[in-house]
């Protein structure tokens, strides 16, 4: 095989995804689970682990940028305009769908590897809706509708924080910004005694952060810019799932990319971990009501993930590693959507959630 062949990046994605999927399954690390722990149980341990992953991803990614290996403006996260309405709307939809399914797209791949057939159905629907929103019947609504509401930046300024700070001040604060952000994100995990004793959780966080860096490296070093020009990419699980589904059904050459390889790698890594721990179990829907909830969640995640430009990993870690402006908007939308979804599941309705919040925080009660 020619070293410039795109299949090398697919193999790199398979390897990175496999390592991450194995570690995350063993640690029971889930982005929605971490949000639910923080929002409902006020337990921030798993969120601190994701902070650790983000801090390491930032450190490695910005180091690649400073030495000239990675150009942020060549990625899909750093552009000249910020489609803020689409990102916020997509984040809300993705977060709500994530709550209905009980995990995100990345978590669904991990569950699939452990034998969860519900995740197979979710991923098929999720991938189909994502592709329809990316290039199919819903693409016109996305491009001509929500994405028309975009913040256009001055010429020469990109949608990442270091670029904007440089434009405003005339100085490059990338290194200082990276150091401060990394310390702020990594310290809470390292300072938590319970987490320091949770070796699998900490290891999963470290490998997840390093996996983002490995993705940037693979898609810059293993790509022939003349024979196969592609934008650098790293871990994300929305459009890669959609393209992988398209490749399996229609065009096998579409599988020759890092994203498709990482999708398969995560599932295989989780499968290996489940088999190693003797925890592989076939599971299916308990009843039609559960299936309807998962199907609706898959539709919302598929459309929302394309609108906001990624999943909890793609925006939360990969875009975050670039300091992309889409990152805080998408994550805020996902968190709010997830909270609404939890309210629907726990209280039965959003009005029940609002009423419970008013009673708990302000002492308001309905009059007899």
Protein backbone atom coordinates (compact mmCIF):
# COMPACT_ATOMS: atom_id res chain seq x y z
CA UNK A 1 0.00 0.00 0.00
CA UNK A 2 1.27 3.46 -0.94
CA UNK A 3 2.13 5.51 2.15
CA UNK A 4 0.08 8.40 0.69
CA UNK A 5 -3.05 6.26 0.41
CA UNK A 6 -6.03 7.56 2.44
CA UNK A 7 -6.44 4.05 3.84
CA UNK A 8 -3.49 4.80 6.13
CA UNK A 9 -5.49 7.53 7.84
CA UNK A 10 -8.40 5.10 8.16
CA UNK A 11 -6.07 2.60 9.86
CA UNK A 12 -4.83 5.35 12.15
CA UNK A 13 -8.43 6.18 13.03
CA UNK A 14 -9.09 2.50 13.70
CA UNK A 15 -6.11 2.35 16.10
CA UNK A 16 -6.93 5.60 17.93
CA UNK A 17 -10.62 4.73 18.17
CA UNK A 18 -9.79 1.23 19.42
CA UNK A 19 -7.62 2.50 22.26
CA UNK A 20 -10.16 5.14 23.27
CA UNK A 21 -13.11 2.75 23.04
CA UNK A 22 -11.33 0.14 25.17
CA UNK A 23 -10.37 2.64 27.88
CA UNK A 24 -13.74 4.40 28.00
CA UNK A 25 -15.69 1.15 28.31
CA UNK A 26 -13.51 -0.05 31.19
CA UNK A 27 -13.87 3.29 32.96
CA UNK A 28 -17.64 3.62 32.34
CA UNK A 29 -16.93 7.15 31.13
CA UNK A 30 -19.90 8.79 29.40
CA UNK A 31 -20.45 12.45 28.56
CA UNK A 32 -24.19 12.37 29.23
CA UNK A 33 -23.61 10.38 32.39
CA UNK A 34 -21.10 13.00 33.53
CA UNK A 35 -23.59 15.79 32.84
CA UNK A 36 -26.37 13.94 34.65
CA UNK A 37 -24.12 13.29 37.65
CA UNK A 38 -23.30 17.00 37.86
CA UNK A 39 -26.80 18.34 37.22
CA UNK A 40 -28.82 15.91 39.29
CA UNK A 41 -26.43 14.35 41.80
CA UNK A 42 -24.01 17.31 42.09
CA UNK A 43 -21.15 14.85 41.56
CA UNK A 44 -18.55 16.49 39.33
CA UNK A 45 -15.96 13.70 39.25
CA UNK A 46 -16.61 12.51 35.71
CA UNK A 47 -16.87 16.11 34.49
CA UNK A 48 -13.42 16.70 35.99
CA UNK A 49 -12.14 13.75 33.99
CA UNK A 50 -13.45 15.33 30.80
CA UNK A 51 -11.76 18.55 31.94
CA UNK A 52 -8.52 16.58 32.21
CA UNK A 53 -9.04 15.21 28.68
CA UNK A 54 -9.76 18.70 27.32
CA UNK A 55 -6.73 20.22 29.04
CA UNK A 56 -4.40 17.58 27.57
CA UNK A 57 -6.04 17.91 24.15
CA UNK A 58 -5.53 21.68 24.25
CA UNK A 59 -1.90 21.33 25.33
CA UNK A 60 -1.04 18.86 22.56
CA UNK A 61 -3.06 20.57 19.84
CA UNK A 62 -1.69 24.02 20.54
CA UNK A 63 1.84 22.61 20.67
CA UNK A 64 1.30 21.21 17.17
CA UNK A 65 0.07 24.64 16.10
CA UNK A 66 3.02 26.52 17.60
CA UNK A 67 5.58 24.28 15.87
CA UNK A 68 3.78 24.61 12.54
CA UNK A 69 2.48 21.05 12.14
CA UNK A 70 -1.22 21.94 12.41
CA UNK A 71 -2.88 24.99 10.84
CA UNK A 72 -6.16 25.65 12.70
CA UNK A 73 -7.63 27.61 9.80
CA UNK A 74 -7.45 24.48 7.63
CA UNK A 75 -9.81 22.60 9.96
CA UNK A 76 -13.60 22.71 9.74
CA UNK A 77 -13.86 24.29 13.19
CA UNK A 78 -11.91 27.50 12.53
CA UNK A 79 -13.38 29.51 9.67
CA UNK A 80 -14.16 33.13 8.84
CA UNK A 81 -17.76 33.07 10.05
CA UNK A 82 -19.61 31.70 13.07
CA UNK A 83 -23.11 30.29 12.35
CA UNK A 84 -24.19 30.95 15.92
CA UNK A 85 -27.91 30.22 15.54
CA UNK A 86 -27.33 26.84 13.93
CA UNK A 87 -24.75 25.90 16.56
CA UNK A 88 -27.01 26.83 19.48
CA UNK A 89 -30.08 25.20 17.94
CA UNK A 90 -28.14 22.08 17.02
CA UNK A 91 -26.65 21.87 20.50
CA UNK A 92 -30.11 22.04 22.09
CA UNK A 93 -31.44 19.32 19.78
CA UNK A 94 -28.40 17.11 20.32
CA UNK A 95 -28.54 17.50 24.09
CA UNK A 96 -32.25 16.69 24.21
CA UNK A 97 -31.76 13.66 21.97
CA UNK A 98 -28.82 12.53 24.06
CA UNK A 99 -31.02 12.55 27.17
CA UNK A 100 -33.75 10.54 25.44
CA UNK A 101 -31.24 7.91 24.27
CA UNK A 102 -29.30 7.94 27.53
CA UNK A 103 -25.94 8.58 25.88
CA UNK A 104 -24.34 10.43 22.96
CA UNK A 105 -23.15 9.15 19.57
CA UNK A 106 -19.77 8.18 21.01
CA UNK A 107 -21.45 6.40 23.92
CA UNK A 108 -23.74 4.58 21.49
CA UNK A 109 -20.69 3.16 19.69
CA UNK A 110 -19.25 2.04 23.02
CA UNK A 111 -22.57 0.40 23.97
CA UNK A 112 -22.80 -1.27 20.58
CA UNK A 113 -19.41 -2.86 21.14
CA UNK A 114 -20.70 -4.40 24.37
CA UNK A 115 -23.69 -6.02 22.61
CA UNK A 116 -26.39 -3.35 22.98
CA UNK A 117 -28.64 -3.78 19.93
CA UNK A 118 -30.59 -0.66 20.91
CA UNK A 119 -27.47 1.31 20.00
CA UNK A 120 -27.36 -0.36 16.59
CA UNK A 121 -30.85 0.95 15.84
CA UNK A 122 -29.95 4.37 17.25
CA UNK A 123 -26.78 4.62 15.14
CA UNK A 124 -28.55 3.58 11.93
CA UNK A 125 -31.24 6.22 12.39
CA UNK A 126 -28.74 8.77 13.70
CA UNK A 127 -26.42 8.25 10.73
CA UNK A 128 -29.23 8.45 8.17
CA UNK A 129 -30.66 11.68 9.61
CA UNK A 130 -27.18 13.17 9.96
CA UNK A 131 -26.41 12.45 6.29
CA UNK A 132 -29.78 13.86 5.22
CA UNK A 133 -28.95 17.04 7.14
CA UNK A 134 -25.39 17.17 5.83
CA UNK A 135 -25.96 16.48 2.13
CA UNK A 136 -29.50 15.22 1.65
CA UNK A 137 -33.06 16.42 1.88
CA UNK A 138 -32.54 18.61 4.97
CA UNK A 139 -29.32 20.24 3.73
CA UNK A 140 -31.19 23.13 2.11
CA UNK A 141 -32.95 23.99 5.36
CA UNK A 142 -29.62 23.96 7.16
CA UNK A 143 -27.66 26.03 4.64
CA UNK A 144 -30.36 28.47 3.52
CA UNK A 145 -32.04 28.70 6.91
CA UNK A 146 -30.15 28.49 10.18
CA UNK A 147 -26.62 28.87 8.82
CA UNK A 148 -27.50 32.19 7.18
CA UNK A 149 -27.45 33.69 10.66
CA UNK A 150 -23.70 33.88 11.01
CA UNK A 151 -21.27 36.29 12.63
CA UNK A 152 -18.85 37.41 9.94
CA UNK A 153 -15.40 38.25 11.28
CA UNK A 154 -13.03 40.80 9.74
CA UNK A 155 -10.87 39.59 6.88
CA UNK A 156 -7.86 37.73 8.23
CA UNK A 157 -9.52 36.88 11.54
CA UNK A 158 -10.61 33.33 12.23
CA UNK A 159 -13.22 31.93 14.61
CA UNK A 160 -10.82 30.89 17.34
CA UNK A 161 -9.90 32.75 20.51
CA UNK A 162 -6.13 33.11 19.87
CA UNK A 163 -6.82 34.64 16.45
CA UNK A 164 -9.28 37.16 17.89
CA UNK A 165 -6.96 38.06 20.78
CA UNK A 166 -4.14 38.60 18.31
CA UNK A 167 -6.35 40.80 16.16
CA UNK A 168 -7.42 42.96 19.11
CA UNK A 169 -4.07 43.26 20.91
CA UNK A 170 -1.56 42.80 18.12
CA UNK A 171 0.23 40.10 20.14
CA UNK A 172 0.22 36.31 20.05
CA UNK A 173 -1.11 35.00 23.36
CA UNK A 174 -1.58 31.42 22.18
CA UNK A 175 1.08 29.96 24.46
CA UNK A 176 -0.04 31.86 27.58
CA UNK A 177 -3.71 31.12 26.91
CA UNK A 178 -2.95 27.41 26.46
CA UNK A 179 -0.91 27.21 29.67
CA UNK A 180 -3.59 28.94 31.75
CA UNK A 181 -6.43 26.87 30.27
CA UNK A 182 -4.53 23.61 30.69
CA UNK A 183 -3.72 24.29 34.35
CA UNK A 184 -7.31 25.34 35.04
CA UNK A 185 -8.75 22.21 33.45
CA UNK A 186 -6.28 19.59 34.65
CA UNK A 187 -5.86 20.74 38.26
CA UNK A 188 -9.39 19.86 39.52
CA UNK A 189 -8.97 16.22 38.46
CA UNK A 190 -5.47 15.90 39.88
CA UNK A 191 -6.51 17.55 43.15
CA UNK A 192 -9.45 15.19 43.72
CA UNK A 193 -8.36 12.38 46.03
CA UNK A 194 -11.17 10.07 44.94
CA UNK A 195 -10.24 10.50 41.30
CA UNK A 196 -6.57 9.86 41.97
CA UNK A 197 -7.63 6.47 43.33
CA UNK A 198 -9.82 5.82 40.28
CA UNK A 199 -7.10 4.66 37.93
CA UNK A 200 -9.37 3.59 35.08
CA UNK A 201 -11.23 6.90 35.01
CA UNK A 202 -8.04 8.95 34.99
CA UNK A 203 -6.46 6.71 32.37
CA UNK A 204 -9.52 7.04 30.13
CA UNK A 205 -9.39 10.84 30.45
CA UNK A 206 -5.70 10.92 29.57
CA UNK A 207 -6.12 8.61 26.57
CA UNK A 208 -9.16 10.54 25.33
CA UNK A 209 -7.21 13.80 25.38
CA UNK A 210 -4.18 12.24 23.72
CA UNK A 211 -6.49 10.61 21.16
CA UNK A 212 -7.54 14.06 19.96
CA UNK A 213 -3.89 15.03 19.50
CA UNK A 214 -3.17 11.75 17.71
CA UNK A 215 -6.02 12.46 15.31
CA UNK A 216 -4.56 15.82 14.32
CA UNK A 217 -1.15 14.21 13.82
CA UNK A 218 -2.50 11.35 11.72
CA UNK A 219 -4.49 13.60 9.40
CA UNK A 220 -1.57 15.93 8.78
CA UNK A 221 1.34 13.49 8.51
CA UNK A 222 -0.44 10.69 6.63
CA UNK A 223 -2.26 12.82 4.06
CA UNK A 224 -0.83 13.69 0.65
CA UNK A 225 -2.13 17.23 0.14
CA UNK A 226 -1.67 16.97 -3.62
CA UNK A 227 -3.09 13.50 -4.27
CA UNK A 228 -5.79 13.49 -1.59
CA UNK A 229 -6.36 17.03 -0.22
CA UNK A 230 -8.46 16.85 2.95
CA UNK A 231 -8.90 19.07 5.97
CA UNK A 232 -7.17 17.94 9.18
CA UNK A 233 -9.61 16.20 11.50
CA UNK A 234 -9.70 14.39 14.80
CA UNK A 235 -12.18 12.57 17.03
CA UNK A 236 -15.80 13.40 16.34
CA UNK A 237 -18.77 11.09 15.87
CA UNK A 238 -21.53 12.78 13.87
CA UNK A 239 -20.55 13.23 10.22
CA UNK A 240 -18.09 10.28 10.39
CA UNK A 241 -20.96 7.97 11.42
CA UNK A 242 -23.03 9.36 8.54
CA UNK A 243 -20.21 8.97 6.03
CA UNK A 244 -19.39 5.49 7.31
CA UNK A 245 -23.01 4.43 6.82
CA UNK A 246 -22.97 5.90 3.31
CA UNK A 247 -19.69 4.11 2.57
CA UNK A 248 -21.02 0.74 3.73
CA UNK A 249 -24.19 1.11 1.64
CA UNK A 250 -23.02 2.88 -1.51
CA UNK A 251 -19.35 3.78 -1.86
CA UNK A 252 -16.61 1.84 -0.11
CA UNK A 253 -13.99 4.49 -0.91
CA UNK A 254 -15.78 6.81 1.53
CA UNK A 255 -14.49 4.60 4.33
CA UNK A 256 -10.89 5.57 3.55
CA UNK A 257 -10.71 8.36 6.11
CA UNK A 258 -9.77 8.86 9.75
CA UNK A 259 -13.37 9.46 10.91
CA UNK A 260 -14.79 6.23 9.49
CA UNK A 261 -11.86 4.27 10.90
CA UNK A 262 -12.34 5.79 14.36
CA UNK A 263 -16.06 4.90 14.33
CA UNK A 264 -15.25 1.23 13.76
CA UNK A 265 -12.31 1.42 16.15
CA UNK A 266 -14.39 2.65 19.10
CA UNK A 267 -16.91 -0.17 18.66
CA UNK A 268 -14.15 -2.79 18.33
CA UNK A 269 -12.25 -1.38 21.30
CA UNK A 270 -15.36 -1.52 23.47
CA UNK A 271 -16.03 -5.06 22.22
CA UNK A 272 -12.53 -6.14 23.22
CA UNK A 273 -12.94 -4.54 26.65
CA UNK A 274 -16.34 -6.17 27.17
CA UNK A 275 -15.04 -9.59 26.19
CA UNK A 276 -11.95 -9.17 28.36
CA UNK A 277 -14.11 -8.32 31.38
CA UNK A 278 -16.70 -10.99 30.51
CA UNK A 279 -19.34 -8.27 30.25
CA UNK A 280 -20.47 -8.72 26.66
CA UNK A 281 -24.26 -9.12 26.71
CA UNK A 282 -26.88 -8.93 23.97
CA UNK A 283 -29.50 -6.35 24.93
CA UNK A 284 -32.63 -5.09 23.17
CA UNK A 285 -35.55 -2.73 23.77
CA UNK A 286 -37.76 -3.57 26.72
CA UNK A 287 -40.97 -2.28 25.14
CA UNK A 288 -42.29 -0.10 22.27
CA UNK A 289 -42.22 3.00 24.46
CA UNK A 290 -38.48 2.68 25.04
CA UNK A 291 -37.92 2.13 21.34
CA UNK A 292 -39.90 5.26 20.40
CA UNK A 293 -37.89 7.32 22.88
CA UNK A 294 -34.60 6.06 21.42
CA UNK A 295 -35.74 6.65 17.84
CA UNK A 296 -36.78 10.23 18.60
CA UNK A 297 -33.50 10.81 20.40
CA UNK A 298 -31.53 9.45 17.42
CA UNK A 299 -33.35 11.81 15.03
CA UNK A 300 -32.66 14.81 17.26
CA UNK A 301 -29.01 13.89 17.72
CA UNK A 302 -28.47 13.31 14.00
CA UNK A 303 -29.92 16.65 12.91
CA UNK A 304 -28.58 18.57 15.90
CA UNK A 305 -25.08 17.15 15.61
CA UNK A 306 -24.70 18.34 12.02
CA UNK A 307 -26.15 21.77 12.83
CA UNK A 308 -23.78 22.38 15.73
CA UNK A 309 -20.78 20.87 13.96
CA UNK A 310 -20.09 17.87 16.15
CA UNK A 311 -20.98 15.79 19.18
CA UNK A 312 -19.91 16.05 22.81
CA UNK A 313 -16.49 14.76 21.74
CA UNK A 314 -16.23 16.62 18.43
CA UNK A 315 -17.20 19.99 19.87
CA UNK A 316 -16.46 19.38 23.54
CA UNK A 317 -12.89 18.13 23.04
CA UNK A 318 -11.76 18.44 19.42
CA UNK A 319 -13.11 21.94 18.74
CA UNK A 320 -12.21 22.89 22.30
CA UNK A 321 -8.60 21.89 21.70
CA UNK A 322 -8.49 24.61 19.02
CA UNK A 323 -10.20 27.24 21.20
CA UNK A 324 -12.84 27.43 18.45
CA UNK A 325 -15.68 29.87 19.18
CA UNK A 326 -18.19 27.17 18.26
CA UNK A 327 -17.02 25.13 21.25
CA UNK A 328 -18.62 27.07 24.16
CA UNK A 329 -21.81 27.72 22.17
CA UNK A 330 -22.27 24.06 21.23
CA UNK A 331 -21.44 22.75 24.71
CA UNK A 332 -23.80 25.26 26.35
CA UNK A 333 -26.59 24.24 23.97
CA UNK A 334 -25.96 20.54 24.62
CA UNK A 335 -25.95 21.04 28.39
CA UNK A 336 -29.20 23.00 28.29
CA UNK A 337 -30.83 20.47 25.95
CA UNK A 338 -29.67 17.60 28.18
CA UNK A 339 -31.14 19.34 31.23
CA UNK A 340 -34.48 19.74 29.46
CA UNK A 341 -34.35 16.07 28.50
CA UNK A 342 -33.62 15.01 32.07
CA UNK A 343 -36.57 17.15 33.18
CA UNK A 344 -38.86 15.39 30.72
CA UNK A 345 -37.73 11.98 31.92
CA UNK A 346 -37.74 12.74 35.65
CA UNK A 347 -40.61 15.20 36.03
CA UNK A 348 -42.73 14.08 33.10
CA UNK A 349 -42.83 17.58 31.59
CA UNK A 350 -40.88 20.80 31.42
CA UNK A 351 -43.59 22.55 33.46
CA UNK A 352 -43.05 19.98 36.21
CA UNK A 353 -39.33 20.71 36.10
CA UNK A 354 -39.90 24.48 36.33
CA UNK A 355 -42.37 24.03 39.20
CA UNK A 356 -39.97 21.75 41.08
CA UNK A 357 -37.12 24.23 40.53
CA UNK A 358 -39.18 27.15 41.82
CA UNK A 359 -40.18 25.22 44.94
CA UNK A 360 -36.65 23.98 45.63
CA UNK A 361 -34.79 27.24 45.05
CA UNK A 362 -37.25 29.98 45.91
CA UNK A 363 -39.77 28.29 48.18
CA UNK A 364 -42.75 29.07 45.91
CA UNK A 365 -45.72 26.77 46.42
CA UNK A 366 -49.07 26.54 44.77
CA UNK A 367 -51.79 28.12 46.87
CA UNK A 368 -54.45 25.74 48.20
